Amino acid sequence: MIWRQVLLLSCLSAVVLLSSENRQKLGADALRRDYYERQRNKFENFVEEQNDEQEERSREAVEQWRQWHYDGLYPPYLYNRHHT
């Protein structure tokens, strides 16, 4: 009879130990997911800012090129130039 109680108590303690261990693992997984999500969001924001800056520089360069080569005709493209 006593050995049954000992066996039952050991099984219950094992279940409690495993469930608390699983809760710790789940909590650590959630923290890890949050961390990596924050890192991914930071990187995505950084890349988006870099792309925006590159597009702005490209747009400015094209605008400068158009102003420099503008010949007074509309639209100011090369096919409007009248070369002899």
PDB file of N, CA and C in Angstrom:
ATOM      1  N   MET A   1       0.817  -1.184   0.000  1.00  0.00           N
ATOM      2  CA  MET A   1       0.000   0.000   0.000  1.00  0.00           C
ATOM      3  C   MET A   1       0.862   1.249   0.000  1.00  0.00           C
ATOM      4  N   ILE A   2       1.902   1.245   0.800  1.00  0.00           N
ATOM      5  CA  ILE A   2       2.780   2.404   0.879  1.00  0.00           C
ATOM      6  C   ILE A   2       3.519   2.582  -0.444  1.00  0.00           C
ATOM      7  N   TRP A   3       3.907   1.486  -1.037  1.00  0.00           N
ATOM      8  CA  TRP A   3       4.646   1.608  -2.295  1.00  0.00           C
ATOM      9  C   TRP A   3       3.769   2.214  -3.379  1.00  0.00           C
ATOM     10  N   ARG A   4       2.442   1.989  -3.317  1.00  0.00           N
ATOM     11  CA  ARG A   4       1.517   2.614  -4.282  1.00  0.00           C
ATOM     12  C   ARG A   4       1.484   4.124  -4.080  1.00  0.00           C
ATOM     13  N   GLN A   5       1.437   4.541  -2.836  1.00  0.00           N
ATOM     14  CA  GLN A   5       1.428   5.982  -2.546  1.00  0.00           C
ATOM     15  C   GLN A   5       2.734   6.625  -2.982  1.00  0.00           C
ATOM     16  N   VAL A   6       3.841   5.936  -2.738  1.00  0.00           N
ATOM     17  CA  VAL A   6       5.143   6.457  -3.153  1.00  0.00           C
ATOM     18  C   VAL A   6       5.206   6.554  -4.667  1.00  0.00           C
ATOM     19  N   LEU A   7       4.726   5.516  -5.341  1.00  0.00           N
ATOM     20  CA  LEU A   7       4.705   5.525  -6.806  1.00  0.00           C
ATOM     21  C   LEU A   7       3.810   6.646  -7.335  1.00  0.00           C
ATOM     22  N   LEU A   8       2.644   6.804  -6.745  1.00  0.00           N
ATOM     23  CA  LEU A   8       1.718   7.860  -7.153  1.00  0.00           C
ATOM     24  C   LEU A   8       2.319   9.241  -6.928  1.00  0.00           C
ATOM     25  N   LEU A   9       2.930   9.442  -5.783  1.00  0.00           N
ATOM     26  CA  LEU A   9       3.560  10.734  -5.498  1.00  0.00           C
ATOM     27  C   LEU A   9       4.719  11.016  -6.446  1.00  0.00           C
ATOM     28  N   SER A  10       5.506   9.985  -6.757  1.00  0.00           N
ATOM     29  CA  SER A  10       6.622  10.204  -7.677  1.00  0.00           C
ATOM     30  C   SER A  10       6.113  10.519  -9.079  1.00  0.00           C
ATOM     31  N   CYS A  11       5.041   9.870  -9.500  1.00  0.00           N
ATOM     32  CA  CYS A  11       4.456  10.174 -10.816  1.00  0.00           C
ATOM     33  C   CYS A  11       3.897  11.592 -10.856  1.00  0.00           C
ATOM     34  N   LEU A  12       3.205  11.979  -9.809  1.00  0.00           N
ATOM     35  CA  LEU A  12       2.646  13.335  -9.749  1.00  0.00           C
ATOM     36  C   LEU A  12       3.758  14.389  -9.739  1.00  0.00           C
ATOM     37  N   SER A  13       4.809  14.125  -8.973  1.00  0.00           N
ATOM     38  CA  SER A  13       5.914  15.092  -8.946  1.00  0.00           C
ATOM     39  C   SER A  13       6.604  15.172 -10.300  1.00  0.00           C
ATOM     40  N   ALA A  14       6.704  14.042 -11.010  1.00  0.00           N
ATOM     41  CA  ALA A  14       7.296  14.052 -12.351  1.00  0.00           C
ATOM     42  C   ALA A  14       6.431  14.862 -13.308  1.00  0.00           C
ATOM     43  N   VAL A  15       5.111  14.699 -13.198  1.00  0.00           N
ATOM     44  CA  VAL A  15       4.192  15.457 -14.067  1.00  0.00           C
ATOM     45  C   VAL A  15       4.304  16.947 -13.778  1.00  0.00           C
ATOM     46  N   VAL A  16       4.345  17.307 -12.510  1.00  0.00           N
ATOM     47  CA  VAL A  16       4.471  18.722 -12.132  1.00  0.00           C
ATOM     48  C   VAL A  16       5.794  19.276 -12.632  1.00  0.00           C
ATOM     49  N   LEU A  17       6.862  18.504 -12.472  1.00  0.00           N
ATOM     50  CA  LEU A  17       8.175  18.950 -12.923  1.00  0.00           C
ATOM     51  C   LEU A  17       8.207  19.133 -14.428  1.00  0.00           C
ATOM     52  N   LEU A  18       7.633  18.173 -15.174  1.00  0.00           N
ATOM     53  CA  LEU A  18       7.609  18.286 -16.629  1.00  0.00           C
ATOM     54  C   LEU A  18       6.750  19.453 -17.094  1.00  0.00           C
ATOM     55  N   SER A  19       5.623  19.678 -16.437  1.00  0.00           N
ATOM     56  CA  SER A  19       4.760  20.783 -16.860  1.00  0.00           C
ATOM     57  C   SER A  19       5.419  22.129 -16.577  1.00  0.00           C
ATOM     58  N   SER A  20       6.120  22.250 -15.446  1.00  0.00           N
ATOM     59  CA  SER A  20       6.806  23.516 -15.173  1.00  0.00           C
ATOM     60  C   SER A  20       7.982  23.690 -16.135  1.00  0.00           C
ATOM     61  N   GLU A  21       8.635  22.589 -16.490  1.00  0.00           N
ATOM     62  CA  GLU A  21       9.738  22.666 -17.458  1.00  0.00           C
ATOM     63  C   GLU A  21       9.199  23.076 -18.830  1.00  0.00           C
ATOM     64  N   ASN A  22       8.052  22.527 -19.206  1.00  0.00           N
ATOM     65  CA  ASN A  22       7.440  22.901 -20.484  1.00  0.00           C
ATOM     66  C   ASN A  22       7.018  24.357 -20.488  1.00  0.00           C
ATOM     67  N   ARG A  23       6.493  24.841 -19.357  1.00  0.00           N
ATOM     68  CA  ARG A  23       6.123  26.260 -19.276  1.00  0.00           C
ATOM     69  C   ARG A  23       7.348  27.140 -19.449  1.00  0.00           C
ATOM     70  N   GLN A  24       8.460  26.743 -18.849  1.00  0.00           N
ATOM     71  CA  GLN A  24       9.690  27.516 -19.002  1.00  0.00           C
ATOM     72  C   GLN A  24      10.155  27.516 -20.451  1.00  0.00           C
ATOM     73  N   LYS A  25      10.078  26.354 -21.092  1.00  0.00           N
ATOM     74  CA  LYS A  25      10.489  26.275 -22.504  1.00  0.00           C
ATOM     75  C   LYS A  25       9.580  27.124 -23.383  1.00  0.00           C
ATOM     76  N   LEU A  26       8.280  27.062 -23.121  1.00  0.00           N
ATOM     77  CA  LEU A  26       7.342  27.865 -23.908  1.00  0.00           C
ATOM     78  C   LEU A  26       7.590  29.357 -23.696  1.00  0.00           C
ATOM     79  N   GLY A  27       7.876  29.726 -22.454  1.00  0.00           N
ATOM     80  CA  GLY A  27       8.180  31.134 -22.174  1.00  0.00           C
ATOM     81  C   GLY A  27       9.454  31.577 -22.874  1.00  0.00           C
ATOM     82  N   ALA A  28      10.471  30.724 -22.855  1.00  0.00           N
ATOM     83  CA  ALA A  28      11.724  31.061 -23.534  1.00  0.00           C
ATOM     84  C   ALA A  28      11.505  31.155 -25.043  1.00  0.00           C
ATOM     85  N   ASP A  29      10.688  30.247 -25.592  1.00  0.00           N
ATOM     86  CA  ASP A  29      10.382  30.303 -27.023  1.00  0.00           C
ATOM     87  C   ASP A  29       9.660  31.599 -27.381  1.00  0.00           C
ATOM     88  N   ALA A  30       8.737  32.010 -26.542  1.00  0.00           N
ATOM     89  CA  ALA A  30       8.001  33.252 -26.800  1.00  0.00           C
ATOM     90  C   ALA A  30       8.945  34.451 -26.759  1.00  0.00           C
ATOM     91  N   LEU A  31       9.852  34.467 -25.784  1.00  0.00           N
ATOM     92  CA  LEU A  31      10.829  35.567 -25.709  1.00  0.00           C
ATOM     93  C   LEU A  31      11.733  35.575 -26.936  1.00  0.00           C
ATOM     94  N   ARG A  32      12.154  34.393 -27.363  1.00  0.00           N
ATOM     95  CA  ARG A  32      13.020  34.288 -28.543  1.00  0.00           C
ATOM     96  C   ARG A  32      12.289  34.775 -29.790  1.00  0.00           C
ATOM     97  N   ARG A  33      11.018  34.372 -29.931  1.00  0.00           N
ATOM     98  CA  ARG A  33      10.228  34.832 -31.077  1.00  0.00           C
ATOM     99  C   ARG A  33      10.082  36.346 -31.078  1.00  0.00           C
ATOM    100  N   ASP A  34       9.797  36.920 -29.902  1.00  0.00           N
ATOM    101  CA  ASP A  34       9.668  38.376 -29.802  1.00  0.00           C
ATOM    102  C   ASP A  34      10.971  39.068 -30.169  1.00  0.00           C
ATOM    103  N   TYR A  35      12.077  38.522 -29.682  1.00  0.00           N
ATOM    104  CA  TYR A  35      13.388  39.122 -29.967  1.00  0.00           C
ATOM    105  C   TYR A  35      13.663  39.115 -31.468  1.00  0.00           C
ATOM    106  N   TYR A  36      13.469  37.948 -32.096  1.00  0.00           N
ATOM    107  CA  TYR A  36      13.751  37.859 -33.527  1.00  0.00           C
ATOM    108  C   TYR A  36      12.779  38.682 -34.353  1.00  0.00           C
ATOM    109  N   GLU A  37      11.548  38.818 -33.899  1.00  0.00           N
ATOM    110  CA  GLU A  37      10.596  39.673 -34.609  1.00  0.00           C
ATOM    111  C   GLU A  37      11.025  41.135 -34.530  1.00  0.00           C
ATOM    112  N   ARG A  38      11.479  41.569 -33.343  1.00  0.00           N
ATOM    113  CA  ARG A  38      11.975  42.948 -33.213  1.00  0.00           C
ATOM    114  C   ARG A  38      13.198  43.170 -34.094  1.00  0.00           C
ATOM    115  N   GLN A  39      14.116  42.192 -34.111  1.00  0.00           N
ATOM    116  CA  GLN A  39      15.304  42.325 -34.953  1.00  0.00           C
ATOM    117  C   GLN A  39      14.919  42.399 -36.432  1.00  0.00           C
ATOM    118  N   ARG A  40      13.979  41.559 -36.856  1.00  0.00           N
ATOM    119  CA  ARG A  40      13.538  41.561 -38.252  1.00  0.00           C
ATOM    120  C   ARG A  40      12.882  42.898 -38.603  1.00  0.00           C
ATOM    121  N   ASN A  41      12.064  43.427 -37.683  1.00  0.00           N
ATOM    122  CA  ASN A  41      11.415  44.713 -37.935  1.00  0.00           C
ATOM    123  C   ASN A  41      12.442  45.836 -38.049  1.00  0.00           C
ATOM    124  N   LYS A  42      13.460  45.797 -37.168  1.00  0.00           N
ATOM    125  CA  LYS A  42      14.524  46.808 -37.253  1.00  0.00           C
ATOM    126  C   LYS A  42      15.226  46.744 -38.596  1.00  0.00           C
ATOM    127  N   PHE A  43      15.561  45.527 -39.022  1.00  0.00           N
ATOM    128  CA  PHE A  43      16.275  45.363 -40.292  1.00  0.00           C
ATOM    129  C   PHE A  43      15.402  45.779 -41.465  1.00  0.00           C
ATOM    130  N   GLU A  44      14.114  45.413 -41.432  1.00  0.00           N
ATOM    131  CA  GLU A  44      13.219  45.820 -42.511  1.00  0.00           C
ATOM    132  C   GLU A  44      13.097  47.333 -42.584  1.00  0.00           C
ATOM    133  N   ASN A  45      13.018  48.002 -41.436  1.00  0.00           N
ATOM    134  CA  ASN A  45      12.948  49.464 -41.424  1.00  0.00           C
ATOM    135  C   ASN A  45      14.235  50.064 -41.976  1.00  0.00           C
ATOM    136  N   PHE A  46      15.375  49.487 -41.601  1.00  0.00           N
ATOM    137  CA  PHE A  46      16.661  49.974 -42.089  1.00  0.00           C
ATOM    138  C   PHE A  46      16.740  49.832 -43.605  1.00  0.00           C
ATOM    139  N   VAL A  47      16.349  48.663 -44.115  1.00  0.00           N
ATOM    140  CA  VAL A  47      16.401  48.429 -45.560  1.00  0.00           C
ATOM    141  C   VAL A  47      15.452  49.370 -46.285  1.00  0.00           C
ATOM    142  N   GLU A  48      14.275  49.583 -45.723  1.00  0.00           N
ATOM    143  CA  GLU A  48      13.310  50.487 -46.349  1.00  0.00           C
ATOM    144  C   GLU A  48      13.864  51.916 -46.410  1.00  0.00           C
ATOM    145  N   GLU A  49      14.504  52.359 -45.330  1.00  0.00           N
ATOM    146  CA  GLU A  49      15.108  53.691 -45.337  1.00  0.00           C
ATOM    147  C   GLU A  49      16.231  53.783 -46.362  1.00  0.00           C
ATOM    148  N   GLN A  50      17.049  52.742 -46.459  1.00  0.00           N
ATOM    149  CA  GLN A  50      18.130  52.733 -47.444  1.00  0.00           C
ATOM    150  C   GLN A  50      17.566  52.794 -48.864  1.00  0.00           C
ATOM    151  N   ASN A  51      16.519  52.025 -49.130  1.00  0.00           N
ATOM    152  CA  ASN A  51      15.908  52.050 -50.456  1.00  0.00           C
ATOM    153  C   ASN A  51      15.307  53.413 -50.760  1.00  0.00           C
ATOM    154  N   ASP A  52      14.662  54.015 -49.768  1.00  0.00           N
ATOM    155  CA  ASP A  52      14.087  55.344 -49.969  1.00  0.00           C
ATOM    156  C   ASP A  52      15.167  56.374 -50.278  1.00  0.00           C
ATOM    157  N   GLU A  53      16.283  56.304 -49.545  1.00  0.00           N
ATOM    158  CA  GLU A  53      17.380  57.238 -49.804  1.00  0.00           C
ATOM    159  C   GLU A  53      17.965  57.022 -51.191  1.00  0.00           C
ATOM    160  N   GLN A  54      18.121  55.750 -51.596  1.00  0.00           N
ATOM    161  CA  GLN A  54      18.665  55.470 -52.919  1.00  0.00           C
ATOM    162  C   GLN A  54      17.723  55.967 -54.012  1.00  0.00           C
ATOM    163  N   GLU A  55      16.427  55.756 -53.828  1.00  0.00           N
ATOM    164  CA  GLU A  55      15.456  56.258 -54.808  1.00  0.00           C
ATOM    165  C   GLU A  55      15.493  57.777 -54.884  1.00  0.00           C
ATOM    166  N   GLU A  56      15.649  58.440 -53.739  1.00  0.00           N
ATOM    167  CA  GLU A  56      15.715  59.906 -53.734  1.00  0.00           C
ATOM    168  C   GLU A  56      16.967  60.394 -54.467  1.00  0.00           C
ATOM    169  N   ARG A  57      18.105  59.738 -54.195  1.00  0.00           N
ATOM    170  CA  ARG A  57      19.337  60.129 -54.897  1.00  0.00           C
ATOM    171  C   ARG A  57      19.213  59.897 -56.396  1.00  0.00           C
ATOM    172  N   SER A  58      18.608  58.793 -56.774  1.00  0.00           N
ATOM    173  CA  SER A  58      18.419  58.490 -58.187  1.00  0.00           C
ATOM    174  C   SER A  58      17.490  59.513 -58.836  1.00  0.00           C
ATOM    175  N   ARG A  59      16.411  59.842 -58.150  1.00  0.00           N
ATOM    176  CA  ARG A  59      15.468  60.829 -58.688  1.00  0.00           C
ATOM    177  C   ARG A  59      16.132  62.187 -58.848  1.00  0.00           C
ATOM    178  N   GLU A  60      16.940  62.580 -57.851  1.00  0.00           N
ATOM    179  CA  GLU A  60      17.651  63.858 -57.945  1.00  0.00           C
ATOM    180  C   GLU A  60      18.641  63.854 -59.101  1.00  0.00           C
ATOM    181  N   ALA A  61      19.341  62.739 -59.298  1.00  0.00           N
ATOM    182  CA  ALA A  61      20.301  62.660 -60.400  1.00  0.00           C
ATOM    183  C   ALA A  61      19.592  62.755 -61.743  1.00  0.00           C
ATOM    184  N   VAL A  62      18.462  62.092 -61.876  1.00  0.00           N
ATOM    185  CA  VAL A  62      17.706  62.152 -63.130  1.00  0.00           C
ATOM    186  C   VAL A  62      17.190  63.569 -63.357  1.00  0.00           C
ATOM    187  N   GLU A  63      16.712  64.190 -62.298  1.00  0.00           N
ATOM    188  CA  GLU A  63      16.209  65.565 -62.424  1.00  0.00           C
ATOM    189  C   GLU A  63      17.331  66.519 -62.832  1.00  0.00           C
ATOM    190  N   GLN A  64      18.507  66.359 -62.240  1.00  0.00           N
ATOM    191  CA  GLN A  64      19.642  67.204 -62.624  1.00  0.00           C
ATOM    192  C   GLN A  64      20.022  66.959 -64.075  1.00  0.00           C
ATOM    193  N   TRP A  65      20.012  65.694 -64.490  1.00  0.00           N
ATOM    194  CA  TRP A  65      20.340  65.393 -65.880  1.00  0.00           C
ATOM    195  C   TRP A  65      19.332  66.048 -66.812  1.00  0.00           C
ATOM    196  N   ARG A  66      18.055  65.970 -66.480  1.00  0.00           N
ATOM    197  CA  ARG A  66      17.019  66.573 -67.323  1.00  0.00           C
ATOM    198  C   ARG A  66      17.161  68.091 -67.381  1.00  0.00           C
ATOM    199  N   GLN A  67      17.492  68.714 -66.243  1.00  0.00           N
ATOM    200  CA  GLN A  67      17.668  70.162 -66.256  1.00  0.00           C
ATOM    201  C   GLN A  67      18.881  70.554 -67.085  1.00  0.00           C
ATOM    202  N   TRP A  68      19.946  69.783 -66.992  1.00  0.00           N
ATOM    203  CA  TRP A  68      21.171  70.121 -67.731  1.00  0.00           C
ATOM    204  C   TRP A  68      20.971  69.970 -69.231  1.00  0.00           C
ATOM    205  N   HIS A  69      20.223  68.943 -69.637  1.00  0.00           N
ATOM    206  CA  HIS A  69      20.044  68.649 -71.052  1.00  0.00           C
ATOM    207  C   HIS A  69      18.755  69.208 -71.624  1.00  0.00           C
ATOM    208  N   TYR A  70      18.047  70.001 -70.874  1.00  0.00           N
ATOM    209  CA  TYR A  70      16.783  70.527 -71.365  1.00  0.00           C
ATOM    210  C   TYR A  70      17.035  71.467 -72.527  1.00  0.00           C
ATOM    211  N   ASP A  71      16.284  71.265 -73.635  1.00  0.00           N
ATOM    212  CA  ASP A  71      16.519  72.070 -74.841  1.00  0.00           C
ATOM    213  C   ASP A  71      15.375  73.026 -75.133  1.00  0.00           C
ATOM    214  N   GLY A  72      14.467  73.209 -74.189  1.00  0.00           N
ATOM    215  CA  GLY A  72      13.375  74.148 -74.384  1.00  0.00           C
ATOM    216  C   GLY A  72      12.171  73.542 -75.060  1.00  0.00           C
ATOM    217  N   LEU A  73      12.252  72.313 -75.480  1.00  0.00           N
ATOM    218  CA  LEU A  73      11.118  71.654 -76.112  1.00  0.00           C
ATOM    219  C   LEU A  73      10.381  70.806 -75.082  1.00  0.00           C
ATOM    220  N   TYR A  74       9.125  70.532 -75.385  1.00  0.00           N
ATOM    221  CA  TYR A  74       8.354  69.693 -74.481  1.00  0.00           C
ATOM    222  C   TYR A  74       7.895  68.467 -75.236  1.00  0.00           C
ATOM    223  N   PRO A  75       8.002  67.315 -74.719  1.00  0.00           N
ATOM    224  CA  PRO A  75       8.724  66.933 -73.511  1.00  0.00           C
ATOM    225  C   PRO A  75      10.233  66.957 -73.743  1.00  0.00           C
ATOM    226  N   PRO A  76      11.008  67.195 -72.704  1.00  0.00           N
ATOM    227  CA  PRO A  76      12.449  67.381 -72.865  1.00  0.00           C
ATOM    228  C   PRO A  76      13.193  66.054 -72.987  1.00  0.00           C
ATOM    229  N   TYR A  77      12.949  65.334 -74.057  1.00  0.00           N
ATOM    230  CA  TYR A  77      13.608  64.047 -74.265  1.00  0.00           C
ATOM    231  C   TYR A  77      14.451  64.114 -75.517  1.00  0.00           C
ATOM    232  N   LEU A  78      15.304  63.131 -75.653  1.00  0.00           N
ATOM    233  CA  LEU A  78      16.256  63.140 -76.756  1.00  0.00           C
ATOM    234  C   LEU A  78      15.573  63.096 -78.123  1.00  0.00           C
ATOM    235  N   TYR A  79      14.420  62.473 -78.244  1.00  0.00           N
ATOM    236  CA  TYR A  79      13.804  62.354 -79.572  1.00  0.00           C
ATOM    237  C   TYR A  79      13.262  63.698 -80.064  1.00  0.00           C
ATOM    238  N   ASN A  80      13.219  64.723 -79.201  1.00  0.00           N
ATOM    239  CA  ASN A  80      12.802  66.049 -79.640  1.00  0.00           C
ATOM    240  C   ASN A  80      13.963  66.873 -80.155  1.00  0.00           C
ATOM    241  N   ARG A  81      15.166  66.395 -80.002  1.00  0.00           N
ATOM    242  CA  ARG A  81      16.329  67.171 -80.466  1.00  0.00           C
ATOM    243  C   ARG A  81      16.414  67.105 -81.994  1.00  0.00           C
ATOM    244  N   HIS A  82      16.722  68.244 -82.570  1.00  0.00           N
ATOM    245  CA  HIS A  82      16.800  68.332 -84.031  1.00  0.00           C
ATOM    246  C   HIS A  82      18.259  68.520 -84.429  1.00  0.00           C
ATOM    247  N   HIS A  83      18.876  67.393 -84.765  1.00  0.00           N
ATOM    248  CA  HIS A  83      20.271  67.432 -85.187  1.00  0.00           C
ATOM    249  C   HIS A  83      20.346  67.406 -86.698  1.00  0.00           C
ATOM    250  N   THR A  84      21.378  68.058 -87.246  1.00  0.00           N
ATOM    251  CA  THR A  84      21.547  68.048 -88.696  1.00  0.00           C
ATOM    252  C   THR A  84      22.528  67.010 -89.114  1.00  0.00           C
TER     253      THR A  84
END
